[in-house]
Amino acid sequence: EMMKESPVAAAADTAAIPSAGAPEPGSMEAEVAKVIAAVRPAVQADRGDIELISVDPVSGVVEVELQGACTSCPASSQTLKAGVERIMRDRVPGVTEVVNVGQLYYDDGTAVTL
């Protein structure tokens, strides 16, 4: 009888192989991904999430998508600009702006001034 490899061992084997889409270590995209990973728990604590969509190393624009409770939260743009963008610009040389591409698709029609 053949023994089947455990799912954990199989996952560990495939995790060691970089995927074709994995950013180069030390690249702007890799550094941006580290910052996203660092801020994600705080965003998730408010029942939201943040996903890295793209990094343009030429313009320095980072595109993210705010998800979950963030899509309807009036403070999410402040969180993005005063929180995520500020941290990103401090930690990753070359980043100029962080934009939420989710805002392109979600508009509840209200204007909010904080």
Protein backbone atom coordinates (compact mmCIF):
# COMPACT_ATOMS: atom_id res chain seq x y z
CA GLU A 1 0.00 0.00 0.00
CA MET A 2 1.38 3.41 -0.99
CA MET A 3 1.40 6.13 1.61
CA LYS A 4 -0.01 9.45 0.48
CA GLU A 5 1.98 12.59 1.11
CA SER A 6 0.36 14.84 3.68
CA PRO A 7 -1.20 18.09 2.39
CA VAL A 8 1.13 20.07 4.69
CA ALA A 9 4.24 18.42 3.23
CA ALA A 10 2.94 18.95 -0.30
CA ALA A 11 2.28 22.63 0.43
CA ALA A 12 5.76 23.02 1.91
CA ASP A 13 7.31 21.50 -1.22
CA THR A 14 5.46 23.83 -3.59
CA ALA A 15 6.07 26.88 -1.36
CA ALA A 16 9.79 26.55 -1.96
CA ILE A 17 9.31 27.02 -5.71
CA PRO A 18 8.84 30.68 -6.62
CA SER A 19 5.85 31.25 -8.85
CA ALA A 20 6.25 33.01 -12.18
CA GLY A 21 4.46 36.05 -10.73
CA ALA A 22 6.54 36.30 -7.55
CA PRO A 23 8.33 39.64 -7.18
CA GLU A 24 12.11 39.72 -7.17
CA PRO A 25 13.42 39.89 -3.58
CA GLY A 26 14.42 43.49 -2.83
CA SER A 27 12.37 44.89 -5.73
CA MET A 28 9.90 47.73 -5.20
CA GLU A 29 7.03 45.26 -5.59
CA ALA A 30 8.51 42.94 -2.94
CA GLU A 31 8.97 45.85 -0.52
CA VAL A 32 5.42 47.09 -1.17
CA ALA A 33 4.10 43.55 -0.54
CA LYS A 34 5.91 43.54 2.84
CA VAL A 35 4.19 46.78 3.86
CA ILE A 36 0.79 45.45 2.74
CA ALA A 37 1.41 42.33 4.85
CA ALA A 38 2.32 44.52 7.83
CA VAL A 39 -0.80 46.74 7.65
CA ARG A 40 -3.26 43.97 6.67
CA PRO A 41 -3.95 42.78 10.28
CA ALA A 42 -5.00 46.31 11.32
CA VAL A 43 -7.32 46.60 8.33
CA GLN A 44 -8.73 43.12 8.99
CA ALA A 45 -9.37 44.06 12.62
CA ASP A 46 -11.94 46.54 11.28
CA ARG A 47 -13.58 43.78 9.17
CA GLY A 48 -11.89 44.97 5.99
CA ASP A 49 -9.00 43.79 3.88
CA ILE A 50 -6.41 45.20 1.51
CA GLU A 51 -5.07 43.47 -1.59
CA LEU A 52 -2.07 44.56 -3.65
CA ILE A 53 -3.13 44.92 -7.29
CA SER A 54 -0.08 46.45 -8.99
CA VAL A 55 3.11 48.45 -8.54
CA ASP A 56 4.41 50.80 -11.23
CA PRO A 57 8.12 51.29 -10.49
CA VAL A 58 8.35 54.12 -13.05
CA SER A 59 5.55 56.36 -11.70
CA GLY A 60 5.73 55.03 -8.12
CA VAL A 61 1.98 54.44 -8.06
CA VAL A 62 0.77 51.46 -6.03
CA GLU A 63 -2.72 50.15 -6.75
CA VAL A 64 -4.58 48.34 -3.99
CA GLU A 65 -8.13 47.20 -3.50
CA LEU A 66 -9.83 47.85 -0.18
CA GLN A 67 -12.34 45.10 0.51
CA GLY A 68 -14.97 44.04 3.03
CA ALA A 69 -16.14 46.75 5.42
CA CYS A 70 -13.68 49.18 3.79
CA THR A 71 -15.84 49.46 0.68
CA SER A 72 -18.62 51.26 2.55
CA CYS A 73 -16.59 52.97 5.29
CA PRO A 74 -16.41 56.77 4.97
CA ALA A 75 -13.00 56.79 6.67
CA SER A 76 -11.39 54.32 4.24
CA SER A 77 -9.92 57.05 2.01
CA GLN A 78 -8.34 58.64 5.10
CA THR A 79 -7.00 55.25 6.17
CA LEU A 80 -5.54 54.77 2.71
CA LYS A 81 -3.91 58.19 2.39
CA ALA A 82 -2.93 59.07 5.97
CA GLY A 83 -2.15 55.49 6.96
CA VAL A 84 -1.17 53.09 4.18
CA GLU A 85 0.26 55.68 1.76
CA ARG A 86 2.27 57.47 4.46
CA ILE A 87 3.76 54.19 5.72
CA MET A 88 4.42 53.00 2.17
CA ARG A 89 6.22 56.23 1.21
CA ASP A 90 8.30 56.09 4.41
CA ARG A 91 9.38 52.48 3.93
CA VAL A 92 9.62 52.01 0.16
CA PRO A 93 11.82 54.41 -1.84
CA GLY A 94 10.15 55.55 -5.05
CA VAL A 95 6.52 55.14 -3.99
CA THR A 96 4.64 58.34 -4.82
CA GLU A 97 0.99 57.41 -4.29
CA VAL A 98 -1.30 54.59 -3.18
CA VAL A 99 -4.66 54.41 -4.94
CA ASN A 100 -7.67 52.22 -4.26
CA VAL A 101 -8.80 50.72 -7.57
CA GLY A 102 -11.93 49.49 -5.77
CA GLN A 103 -13.12 53.11 -5.70
CA LEU A 104 -13.29 53.01 -9.48
CA TYR A 105 -15.98 50.34 -9.24
CA TYR A 106 -17.76 51.31 -6.02
CA ASP A 107 -19.52 54.63 -5.60
CA ASP A 108 -22.35 54.96 -3.12
CA GLY A 109 -23.07 58.51 -4.31
CA THR A 110 -22.31 60.24 -1.01
CA ALA A 111 -19.76 62.96 -0.43
CA VAL A 112 -18.15 62.85 2.99
CA THR A 113 -15.93 65.51 4.48
CA LEU A 114 -13.92 64.58 7.55
